[in-house]
Amino acid sequence: MTALEKATGDAVFKFEPFVLHVLCRELQDAQLLHSVAIDSGFRNSGITVGKGGKITMAVRSTHCLEVPLSHKGRLMVSEEYIEFLVHVANQKMEENM
């Protein structure tokens, strides 16, 4: 809160989604992992094949959060709301685990 009160610009509370990149030997390995990731709720997961044939499976969460807190140095939310945001972000972190 002290840092926010001293801020002169815009401040944003941001929680990034979980991402795990797995290098796979075979496309069928990546497809199996992709099926498991999707079935586990990681709906933004995908497979990429690079120019050299490198197969990468990305397990991606949909749990993200981005909320403006201040604008031009003016705090736009209460301390209680920031505490709520931290609680929500911590819940998302638990879901990622």
PDB file of N, CA and C in Angstrom:
ATOM      1  N   MET A   1       0.829  -1.183   0.000  1.00  0.00           N
ATOM      2  CA  MET A   1       0.000   0.000   0.000  1.00  0.00           C
ATOM      3  C   MET A   1       0.879   1.254   0.000  1.00  0.00           C
ATOM      4  N   THR A   2       1.989   1.215   0.725  1.00  0.00           N
ATOM      5  CA  THR A   2       2.882   2.374   0.771  1.00  0.00           C
ATOM      6  C   THR A   2       3.416   2.699  -0.616  1.00  0.00           C
ATOM      7  N   ALA A   3       3.828   1.669  -1.351  1.00  0.00           N
ATOM      8  CA  ALA A   3       4.346   1.881  -2.707  1.00  0.00           C
ATOM      9  C   ALA A   3       3.257   2.420  -3.623  1.00  0.00           C
ATOM     10  N   LEU A   4       2.045   1.909  -3.493  1.00  0.00           N
ATOM     11  CA  LEU A   4       0.939   2.393  -4.327  1.00  0.00           C
ATOM     12  C   LEU A   4       0.615   3.852  -4.032  1.00  0.00           C
ATOM     13  N   GLU A   5       0.660   4.213  -2.772  1.00  0.00           N
ATOM     14  CA  GLU A   5       0.353   5.592  -2.400  1.00  0.00           C
ATOM     15  C   GLU A   5       1.407   6.565  -2.924  1.00  0.00           C
ATOM     16  N   LYS A   6       2.644   6.086  -3.121  1.00  0.00           N
ATOM     17  CA  LYS A   6       3.726   6.926  -3.633  1.00  0.00           C
ATOM     18  C   LYS A   6       3.808   6.911  -5.160  1.00  0.00           C
ATOM     19  N   ALA A   7       3.076   6.009  -5.803  1.00  0.00           N
ATOM     20  CA  ALA A   7       3.152   5.852  -7.259  1.00  0.00           C
ATOM     21  C   ALA A   7       2.660   7.117  -7.960  1.00  0.00           C
ATOM     22  N   THR A   8       3.330   7.474  -9.060  1.00  0.00           N
ATOM     23  CA  THR A   8       2.923   8.648  -9.833  1.00  0.00           C
ATOM     24  C   THR A   8       2.297   8.260 -11.165  1.00  0.00           C
ATOM     25  N   GLY A   9       2.428   7.005 -11.547  1.00  0.00           N
ATOM     26  CA  GLY A   9       1.878   6.538 -12.820  1.00  0.00           C
ATOM     27  C   GLY A   9       0.751   5.559 -12.604  1.00  0.00           C
ATOM     28  N   ASP A  10       0.644   4.620 -13.519  1.00  0.00           N
ATOM     29  CA  ASP A  10      -0.376   3.581 -13.437  1.00  0.00           C
ATOM     30  C   ASP A  10       0.217   2.338 -12.784  1.00  0.00           C
ATOM     31  N   ALA A  11      -0.558   1.684 -11.928  1.00  0.00           N
ATOM     32  CA  ALA A  11      -0.143   0.433 -11.299  1.00  0.00           C
ATOM     33  C   ALA A  11      -1.190  -0.626 -11.598  1.00  0.00           C
ATOM     34  N   VAL A  12      -0.706  -1.834 -11.872  1.00  0.00           N
ATOM     35  CA  VAL A  12      -1.585  -2.951 -12.229  1.00  0.00           C
ATOM     36  C   VAL A  12      -1.214  -4.161 -11.381  1.00  0.00           C
ATOM     37  N   PHE A  13      -2.225  -4.849 -10.855  1.00  0.00           N
ATOM     38  CA  PHE A  13      -2.026  -6.126 -10.165  1.00  0.00           C
ATOM     39  C   PHE A  13      -2.153  -7.200 -11.232  1.00  0.00           C
ATOM     40  N   LYS A  14      -1.114  -8.030 -11.381  1.00  0.00           N
ATOM     41  CA  LYS A  14      -1.122  -9.013 -12.462  1.00  0.00           C
ATOM     42  C   LYS A  14      -0.698 -10.372 -11.952  1.00  0.00           C
ATOM     43  N   PHE A  15      -1.475 -11.397 -12.301  1.00  0.00           N
ATOM     44  CA  PHE A  15      -1.147 -12.787 -12.009  1.00  0.00           C
ATOM     45  C   PHE A  15      -1.074 -13.505 -13.347  1.00  0.00           C
ATOM     46  N   GLU A  16       0.090 -14.056 -13.656  1.00  0.00           N
ATOM     47  CA  GLU A  16       0.310 -14.744 -14.935  1.00  0.00           C
ATOM     48  C   GLU A  16      -0.087 -16.215 -14.834  1.00  0.00           C
ATOM     49  N   PRO A  17      -0.619 -16.772 -15.916  1.00  0.00           N
ATOM     50  CA  PRO A  17      -0.976 -18.196 -15.887  1.00  0.00           C
ATOM     51  C   PRO A  17       0.258 -19.102 -15.885  1.00  0.00           C
ATOM     52  N   PHE A  18       0.071 -20.297 -15.353  1.00  0.00           N
ATOM     53  CA  PHE A  18       1.095 -21.330 -15.321  1.00  0.00           C
ATOM     54  C   PHE A  18       1.407 -21.798 -16.743  1.00  0.00           C
ATOM     55  N   VAL A  19       2.699 -21.972 -17.053  1.00  0.00           N
ATOM     56  CA  VAL A  19       3.121 -22.524 -18.349  1.00  0.00           C
ATOM     57  C   VAL A  19       4.260 -23.511 -18.094  1.00  0.00           C
ATOM     58  N   LEU A  20       4.142 -24.695 -18.666  1.00  0.00           N
ATOM     59  CA  LEU A  20       5.194 -25.708 -18.594  1.00  0.00           C
ATOM     60  C   LEU A  20       5.491 -26.168 -20.016  1.00  0.00           C
ATOM     61  N   HIS A  21       6.734 -25.994 -20.464  1.00  0.00           N
ATOM     62  CA  HIS A  21       7.137 -26.465 -21.791  1.00  0.00           C
ATOM     63  C   HIS A  21       7.858 -27.800 -21.644  1.00  0.00           C
ATOM     64  N   VAL A  22       7.439 -28.775 -22.452  1.00  0.00           N
ATOM     65  CA  VAL A  22       8.023 -30.112 -22.416  1.00  0.00           C
ATOM     66  C   VAL A  22       8.514 -30.454 -23.819  1.00  0.00           C
ATOM     67  N   LEU A  23       9.797 -30.742 -23.942  1.00  0.00           N
ATOM     68  CA  LEU A  23      10.354 -31.181 -25.214  1.00  0.00           C
ATOM     69  C   LEU A  23      10.083 -32.667 -25.355  1.00  0.00           C
ATOM     70  N   CYS A  24       9.427 -33.061 -26.452  1.00  0.00           N
ATOM     71  CA  CYS A  24       9.017 -34.463 -26.659  1.00  0.00           C
ATOM     72  C   CYS A  24       9.830 -35.094 -27.785  1.00  0.00           C
ATOM     73  N   ARG A  25      10.129 -36.373 -27.637  1.00  0.00           N
ATOM     74  CA  ARG A  25      10.897 -37.090 -28.670  1.00  0.00           C
ATOM     75  C   ARG A  25      10.040 -37.412 -29.885  1.00  0.00           C
ATOM     76  N   GLU A  26       8.792 -37.786 -29.635  1.00  0.00           N
ATOM     77  CA  GLU A  26       7.893 -38.201 -30.721  1.00  0.00           C
ATOM     78  C   GLU A  26       6.603 -37.392 -30.654  1.00  0.00           C
ATOM     79  N   LEU A  27       5.975 -37.201 -31.806  1.00  0.00           N
ATOM     80  CA  LEU A  27       4.712 -36.476 -31.863  1.00  0.00           C
ATOM     81  C   LEU A  27       3.641 -37.184 -31.038  1.00  0.00           C
ATOM     82  N   GLN A  28       3.642 -38.510 -31.057  1.00  0.00           N
ATOM     83  CA  GLN A  28       2.620 -39.246 -30.290  1.00  0.00           C
ATOM     84  C   GLN A  28       2.791 -39.029 -28.785  1.00  0.00           C
ATOM     85  N   ASP A  29       4.030 -38.821 -28.318  1.00  0.00           N
ATOM     86  CA  ASP A  29       4.255 -38.492 -26.900  1.00  0.00           C
ATOM     87  C   ASP A  29       3.621 -37.142 -26.573  1.00  0.00           C
ATOM     88  N   ALA A  30       3.828 -36.171 -27.455  1.00  0.00           N
ATOM     89  CA  ALA A  30       3.253 -34.838 -27.263  1.00  0.00           C
ATOM     90  C   ALA A  30       1.723 -34.901 -27.293  1.00  0.00           C
ATOM     91  N   GLN A  31       1.182 -35.712 -28.188  1.00  0.00           N
ATOM     92  CA  GLN A  31      -0.280 -35.839 -28.281  1.00  0.00           C
ATOM     93  C   GLN A  31      -0.867 -36.461 -27.020  1.00  0.00           C
ATOM     94  N   LEU A  32      -0.180 -37.453 -26.465  1.00  0.00           N
ATOM     95  CA  LEU A  32      -0.634 -38.072 -25.225  1.00  0.00           C
ATOM     96  C   LEU A  32      -0.605 -37.061 -24.077  1.00  0.00           C
ATOM     97  N   LEU A  33       0.504 -36.332 -23.951  1.00  0.00           N
ATOM     98  CA  LEU A  33       0.615 -35.318 -22.910  1.00  0.00           C
ATOM     99  C   LEU A  33      -0.434 -34.224 -23.101  1.00  0.00           C
ATOM    100  N   HIS A  34      -0.693 -33.850 -24.339  1.00  0.00           N
ATOM    101  CA  HIS A  34      -1.708 -32.834 -24.637  1.00  0.00           C
ATOM    102  C   HIS A  34      -3.082 -33.303 -24.172  1.00  0.00           C
ATOM    103  N   SER A  35      -3.420 -34.549 -24.438  1.00  0.00           N
ATOM    104  CA  SER A  35      -4.711 -35.103 -23.999  1.00  0.00           C
ATOM    105  C   SER A  35      -4.838 -35.072 -22.481  1.00  0.00           C
ATOM    106  N   VAL A  36      -3.762 -35.440 -21.807  1.00  0.00           N
ATOM    107  CA  VAL A  36      -3.768 -35.437 -20.337  1.00  0.00           C
ATOM    108  C   VAL A  36      -3.930 -34.004 -19.813  1.00  0.00           C
ATOM    109  N   ALA A  37      -3.218 -33.047 -20.419  1.00  0.00           N
ATOM    110  CA  ALA A  37      -3.304 -31.650 -19.990  1.00  0.00           C
ATOM    111  C   ALA A  37      -4.719 -31.105 -20.177  1.00  0.00           C
ATOM    112  N   ILE A  38      -5.310 -31.347 -21.324  1.00  0.00           N
ATOM    113  CA  ILE A  38      -6.672 -30.877 -21.610  1.00  0.00           C
ATOM    114  C   ILE A  38      -7.659 -31.514 -20.637  1.00  0.00           C
ATOM    115  N   ASP A  39      -7.542 -32.817 -20.424  1.00  0.00           N
ATOM    116  CA  ASP A  39      -8.438 -33.519 -19.500  1.00  0.00           C
ATOM    117  C   ASP A  39      -8.263 -33.040 -18.055  1.00  0.00           C
ATOM    118  N   SER A  40      -7.090 -32.478 -17.748  1.00  0.00           N
ATOM    119  CA  SER A  40      -6.817 -31.984 -16.395  1.00  0.00           C
ATOM    120  C   SER A  40      -7.241 -30.525 -16.214  1.00  0.00           C
ATOM    121  N   GLY A  41      -7.798 -29.931 -17.255  1.00  0.00           N
ATOM    122  CA  GLY A  41      -8.301 -28.559 -17.145  1.00  0.00           C
ATOM    123  C   GLY A  41      -7.381 -27.487 -17.700  1.00  0.00           C
ATOM    124  N   PHE A  42      -6.245 -27.864 -18.283  1.00  0.00           N
ATOM    125  CA  PHE A  42      -5.328 -26.891 -18.869  1.00  0.00           C
ATOM    126  C   PHE A  42      -5.711 -26.674 -20.333  1.00  0.00           C
ATOM    127  N   ARG A  43      -6.780 -25.913 -20.539  1.00  0.00           N
ATOM    128  CA  ARG A  43      -7.415 -25.784 -21.851  1.00  0.00           C
ATOM    129  C   ARG A  43      -6.612 -24.981 -22.869  1.00  0.00           C
ATOM    130  N   ASN A  44      -5.625 -24.228 -22.443  1.00  0.00           N
ATOM    131  CA  ASN A  44      -4.834 -23.428 -23.381  1.00  0.00           C
ATOM    132  C   ASN A  44      -3.554 -24.143 -23.811  1.00  0.00           C
ATOM    133  N   SER A  45      -3.479 -25.427 -23.588  1.00  0.00           N
ATOM    134  CA  SER A  45      -2.286 -26.207 -23.925  1.00  0.00           C
ATOM    135  C   SER A  45      -2.209 -26.438 -25.434  1.00  0.00           C
ATOM    136  N   GLY A  46      -0.983 -26.684 -25.921  1.00  0.00           N
ATOM    137  CA  GLY A  46      -0.823 -26.924 -27.346  1.00  0.00           C
ATOM    138  C   GLY A  46       0.522 -27.534 -27.693  1.00  0.00           C
ATOM    139  N   ILE A  47       0.621 -27.953 -28.943  1.00  0.00           N
ATOM    140  CA  ILE A  47       1.825 -28.597 -29.472  1.00  0.00           C
ATOM    141  C   ILE A  47       2.374 -27.728 -30.600  1.00  0.00           C
ATOM    142  N   THR A  48       3.705 -27.539 -30.606  1.00  0.00           N
ATOM    143  CA  THR A  48       4.345 -26.864 -31.730  1.00  0.00           C
ATOM    144  C   THR A  48       5.492 -27.732 -32.236  1.00  0.00           C
ATOM    145  N   VAL A  49       5.678 -27.697 -33.550  1.00  0.00           N
ATOM    146  CA  VAL A  49       6.788 -28.415 -34.174  1.00  0.00           C
ATOM    147  C   VAL A  49       7.636 -27.366 -34.879  1.00  0.00           C
ATOM    148  N   GLY A  50       8.891 -27.259 -34.446  1.00  0.00           N
ATOM    149  CA  GLY A  50       9.801 -26.274 -35.020  1.00  0.00           C
ATOM    150  C   GLY A  50      10.352 -26.693 -36.366  1.00  0.00           C
ATOM    151  N   LYS A  51      11.071 -25.775 -37.017  1.00  0.00           N
ATOM    152  CA  LYS A  51      11.649 -26.028 -38.342  1.00  0.00           C
ATOM    153  C   LYS A  51      12.580 -27.232 -38.341  1.00  0.00           C
ATOM    154  N   GLY A  52      13.322 -27.410 -37.259  1.00  0.00           N
ATOM    155  CA  GLY A  52      14.258 -28.526 -37.168  1.00  0.00           C
ATOM    156  C   GLY A  52      13.613 -29.814 -36.687  1.00  0.00           C
ATOM    157  N   GLY A  53      12.293 -29.821 -36.542  1.00  0.00           N
ATOM    158  CA  GLY A  53      11.583 -31.015 -36.089  1.00  0.00           C
ATOM    159  C   GLY A  53      11.449 -31.119 -34.580  1.00  0.00           C
ATOM    160  N   LYS A  54      11.873 -30.085 -33.851  1.00  0.00           N
ATOM    161  CA  LYS A  54      11.758 -30.091 -32.393  1.00  0.00           C
ATOM    162  C   LYS A  54      10.276 -30.000 -32.014  1.00  0.00           C
ATOM    163  N   ILE A  55       9.819 -30.965 -31.211  1.00  0.00           N
ATOM    164  CA  ILE A  55       8.410 -31.050 -30.809  1.00  0.00           C
ATOM    165  C   ILE A  55       8.287 -30.566 -29.373  1.00  0.00           C
ATOM    166  N   THR A  56       7.517 -29.499 -29.178  1.00  0.00           N
ATOM    167  CA  THR A  56       7.331 -28.929 -27.849  1.00  0.00           C
ATOM    168  C   THR A  56       5.856 -28.949 -27.491  1.00  0.00           C
ATOM    169  N   MET A  57       5.578 -29.479 -26.324  1.00  0.00           N
ATOM    170  CA  MET A  57       4.216 -29.491 -25.784  1.00  0.00           C
ATOM    171  C   MET A  57       4.170 -28.450 -24.672  1.00  0.00           C
ATOM    172  N   ALA A  58       3.246 -27.513 -24.758  1.00  0.00           N
ATOM    173  CA  ALA A  58       3.103 -26.469 -23.745  1.00  0.00           C
ATOM    174  C   ALA A  58       1.830 -26.726 -22.949  1.00  0.00           C
ATOM    175  N   VAL A  59       1.988 -26.923 -21.658  1.00  0.00           N
ATOM    176  CA  VAL A  59       0.850 -27.070 -20.748  1.00  0.00           C
ATOM    177  C   VAL A  59       0.583 -25.675 -20.196  1.00  0.00           C
ATOM    178  N   ARG A  60      -0.598 -25.133 -20.498  1.00  0.00           N
ATOM    179  CA  ARG A  60      -0.915 -23.764 -20.104  1.00  0.00           C
ATOM    180  C   ARG A  60      -2.214 -23.697 -19.328  1.00  0.00           C
ATOM    181  N   SER A  61      -2.162 -22.967 -18.246  1.00  0.00           N
ATOM    182  CA  SER A  61      -3.334 -22.719 -17.410  1.00  0.00           C
ATOM    183  C   SER A  61      -4.145 -21.559 -17.983  1.00  0.00           C
ATOM    184  N   THR A  62      -5.387 -21.489 -17.604  1.00  0.00           N
ATOM    185  CA  THR A  62      -6.232 -20.356 -17.986  1.00  0.00           C
ATOM    186  C   THR A  62      -6.347 -19.372 -16.832  1.00  0.00           C
ATOM    187  N   HIS A  63      -5.660 -19.644 -15.728  1.00  0.00           N
ATOM    188  CA  HIS A  63      -5.770 -18.817 -14.528  1.00  0.00           C
ATOM    189  C   HIS A  63      -4.913 -17.568 -14.638  1.00  0.00           C
ATOM    190  N   CYS A  64      -5.508 -16.465 -15.021  1.00  0.00           N
ATOM    191  CA  CYS A  64      -4.788 -15.207 -15.076  1.00  0.00           C
ATOM    192  C   CYS A  64      -5.659 -14.110 -14.469  1.00  0.00           C
ATOM    193  N   LEU A  65      -5.012 -13.011 -14.139  1.00  0.00           N
ATOM    194  CA  LEU A  65      -5.719 -11.913 -13.499  1.00  0.00           C
ATOM    195  C   LEU A  65      -4.926 -10.643 -13.771  1.00  0.00           C
ATOM    196  N   GLU A  66      -5.585  -9.606 -14.267  1.00  0.00           N
ATOM    197  CA  GLU A  66      -4.934  -8.325 -14.491  1.00  0.00           C
ATOM    198  C   GLU A  66      -5.934  -7.229 -14.155  1.00  0.00           C
ATOM    199  N   VAL A  67      -5.611  -6.442 -13.109  1.00  0.00           N
ATOM    200  CA  VAL A  67      -6.546  -5.441 -12.601  1.00  0.00           C
ATOM    201  C   VAL A  67      -5.807  -4.118 -12.381  1.00  0.00           C
ATOM    202  N   PRO A  68      -6.284  -3.029 -12.974  1.00  0.00           N
ATOM    203  CA  PRO A  68      -5.680  -1.724 -12.689  1.00  0.00           C
ATOM    204  C   PRO A  68      -5.931  -1.319 -11.232  1.00  0.00           C
ATOM    205  N   LEU A  69      -4.906  -0.752 -10.579  1.00  0.00           N
ATOM    206  CA  LEU A  69      -5.040  -0.308  -9.194  1.00  0.00           C
ATOM    207  C   LEU A  69      -4.995   1.211  -9.074  1.00  0.00           C
ATOM    208  N   SER A  70      -4.146   1.831  -9.897  1.00  0.00           N
ATOM    209  CA  SER A  70      -4.056   3.282  -9.859  1.00  0.00           C
ATOM    210  C   SER A  70      -3.928   3.827 -11.271  1.00  0.00           C
ATOM    211  N   HIS A  71      -4.300   5.106 -11.413  1.00  0.00           N
ATOM    212  CA  HIS A  71      -4.210   5.765 -12.715  1.00  0.00           C
ATOM    213  C   HIS A  71      -3.646   7.170 -12.492  1.00  0.00           C
ATOM    214  N   LYS A  72      -2.527   7.452 -13.157  1.00  0.00           N
ATOM    215  CA  LYS A  72      -1.843   8.747 -13.025  1.00  0.00           C
ATOM    216  C   LYS A  72      -1.589   9.099 -11.563  1.00  0.00           C
ATOM    217  N   GLY A  73      -1.193   8.086 -10.789  1.00  0.00           N
ATOM    218  CA  GLY A  73      -0.845   8.299  -9.395  1.00  0.00           C
ATOM    219  C   GLY A  73      -2.021   8.302  -8.434  1.00  0.00           C
ATOM    220  N   ARG A  74      -3.231   8.186  -8.947  1.00  0.00           N
ATOM    221  CA  ARG A  74      -4.421   8.193  -8.083  1.00  0.00           C
ATOM    222  C   ARG A  74      -4.881   6.756  -7.846  1.00  0.00           C
ATOM    223  N   LEU A  75      -4.886   6.335  -6.584  1.00  0.00           N
ATOM    224  CA  LEU A  75      -5.329   4.994  -6.219  1.00  0.00           C
ATOM    225  C   LEU A  75      -6.820   4.863  -6.513  1.00  0.00           C
ATOM    226  N   MET A  76      -7.201   3.843  -7.289  1.00  0.00           N
ATOM    227  CA  MET A  76      -8.583   3.692  -7.745  1.00  0.00           C
ATOM    228  C   MET A  76      -9.365   2.638  -6.956  1.00  0.00           C
ATOM    229  N   VAL A  77      -8.698   1.931  -6.047  1.00  0.00           N
ATOM    230  CA  VAL A  77      -9.341   0.856  -5.290  1.00  0.00           C
ATOM    231  C   VAL A  77      -8.968   0.969  -3.815  1.00  0.00           C
ATOM    232  N   SER A  78      -9.724   0.274  -2.980  1.00  0.00           N
ATOM    233  CA  SER A  78      -9.463   0.307  -1.537  1.00  0.00           C
ATOM    234  C   SER A  78      -8.424  -0.750  -1.150  1.00  0.00           C
ATOM    235  N   GLU A  79      -7.865  -0.596   0.033  1.00  0.00           N
ATOM    236  CA  GLU A  79      -6.937  -1.585   0.564  1.00  0.00           C
ATOM    237  C   GLU A  79      -7.644  -2.928   0.722  1.00  0.00           C
ATOM    238  N   GLU A  80      -8.906  -2.891   1.106  1.00  0.00           N
ATOM    239  CA  GLU A  80      -9.697  -4.115   1.254  1.00  0.00           C
ATOM    240  C   GLU A  80      -9.809  -4.860  -0.082  1.00  0.00           C
ATOM    241  N   TYR A  81      -9.993  -4.112  -1.177  1.00  0.00           N
ATOM    242  CA  TYR A  81     -10.091  -4.741  -2.496  1.00  0.00           C
ATOM    243  C   TYR A  81      -8.758  -5.361  -2.899  1.00  0.00           C
ATOM    244  N   ILE A  82      -7.654  -4.704  -2.598  1.00  0.00           N
ATOM    245  CA  ILE A  82      -6.330  -5.256  -2.911  1.00  0.00           C
ATOM    246  C   ILE A  82      -6.106  -6.545  -2.128  1.00  0.00           C
ATOM    247  N   GLU A  83      -6.501  -6.575  -0.873  1.00  0.00           N
ATOM    248  CA  GLU A  83      -6.404  -7.811  -0.084  1.00  0.00           C
ATOM    249  C   GLU A  83      -7.239  -8.919  -0.712  1.00  0.00           C
ATOM    250  N   PHE A  84      -8.419  -8.574  -1.224  1.00  0.00           N
ATOM    251  CA  PHE A  84      -9.270  -9.542  -1.927  1.00  0.00           C
ATOM    252  C   PHE A  84      -8.564 -10.079  -3.173  1.00  0.00           C
ATOM    253  N   LEU A  85      -7.941  -9.191  -3.954  1.00  0.00           N
ATOM    254  CA  LEU A  85      -7.219  -9.606  -5.156  1.00  0.00           C
ATOM    255  C   LEU A  85      -6.082 -10.571  -4.822  1.00  0.00           C
ATOM    256  N   VAL A  86      -5.363 -10.284  -3.750  1.00  0.00           N
ATOM    257  CA  VAL A  86      -4.271 -11.164  -3.323  1.00  0.00           C
ATOM    258  C   VAL A  86      -4.834 -12.537  -2.963  1.00  0.00           C
ATOM    259  N   HIS A  87      -5.964 -12.561  -2.284  1.00  0.00           N
ATOM    260  CA  HIS A  87      -6.608 -13.832  -1.927  1.00  0.00           C
ATOM    261  C   HIS A  87      -7.004 -14.606  -3.189  1.00  0.00           C
ATOM    262  N   VAL A  88      -7.591 -13.927  -4.157  1.00  0.00           N
ATOM    263  CA  VAL A  88      -7.995 -14.573  -5.418  1.00  0.00           C
ATOM    264  C   VAL A  88      -6.763 -15.113  -6.149  1.00  0.00           C
ATOM    265  N   ALA A  89      -5.702 -14.327  -6.219  1.00  0.00           N
ATOM    266  CA  ALA A  89      -4.472 -14.767  -6.892  1.00  0.00           C
ATOM    267  C   ALA A  89      -3.864 -15.977  -6.187  1.00  0.00           C
ATOM    268  N   ASN A  90      -3.887 -15.974  -4.866  1.00  0.00           N
ATOM    269  CA  ASN A  90      -3.368 -17.122  -4.115  1.00  0.00           C
ATOM    270  C   ASN A  90      -4.199 -18.376  -4.371  1.00  0.00           C
ATOM    271  N   GLN A  91      -5.520 -18.226  -4.510  1.00  0.00           N
ATOM    272  CA  GLN A  91      -6.376 -19.370  -4.850  1.00  0.00           C
ATOM    273  C   GLN A  91      -6.005 -19.907  -6.233  1.00  0.00           C
ATOM    274  N   LYS A  92      -5.777 -19.000  -7.184  1.00  0.00           N
ATOM    275  CA  LYS A  92      -5.391 -19.420  -8.532  1.00  0.00           C
ATOM    276  C   LYS A  92      -4.054 -20.164  -8.499  1.00  0.00           C
ATOM    277  N   MET A  93      -3.134 -19.714  -7.667  1.00  0.00           N
ATOM    278  CA  MET A  93      -1.844 -20.381  -7.528  1.00  0.00           C
ATOM    279  C   MET A  93      -2.036 -21.800  -6.998  1.00  0.00           C
ATOM    280  N   GLU A  94      -2.915 -21.955  -6.020  1.00  0.00           N
ATOM    281  CA  GLU A  94      -3.229 -23.286  -5.476  1.00  0.00           C
ATOM    282  C   GLU A  94      -3.830 -24.184  -6.558  1.00  0.00           C
ATOM    283  N   GLU A  95      -4.726 -23.622  -7.378  1.00  0.00           N
ATOM    284  CA  GLU A  95      -5.333 -24.418  -8.458  1.00  0.00           C
ATOM    285  C   GLU A  95      -4.280 -24.844  -9.474  1.00  0.00           C
ATOM    286  N   ASN A  96      -3.294 -23.982  -9.732  1.00  0.00           N
ATOM    287  CA  ASN A  96      -2.202 -24.338 -10.641  1.00  0.00           C
ATOM    288  C   ASN A  96      -1.426 -25.540 -10.119  1.00  0.00           C
ATOM    289  N   MET A  97      -1.213 -25.574  -8.812  1.00  0.00           N
ATOM    290  CA  MET A  97      -0.451 -26.684  -8.226  1.00  0.00           C
ATOM    291  C   MET A  97      -1.246 -27.961  -8.295  1.00  0.00           C
TER     292      MET A  97
END
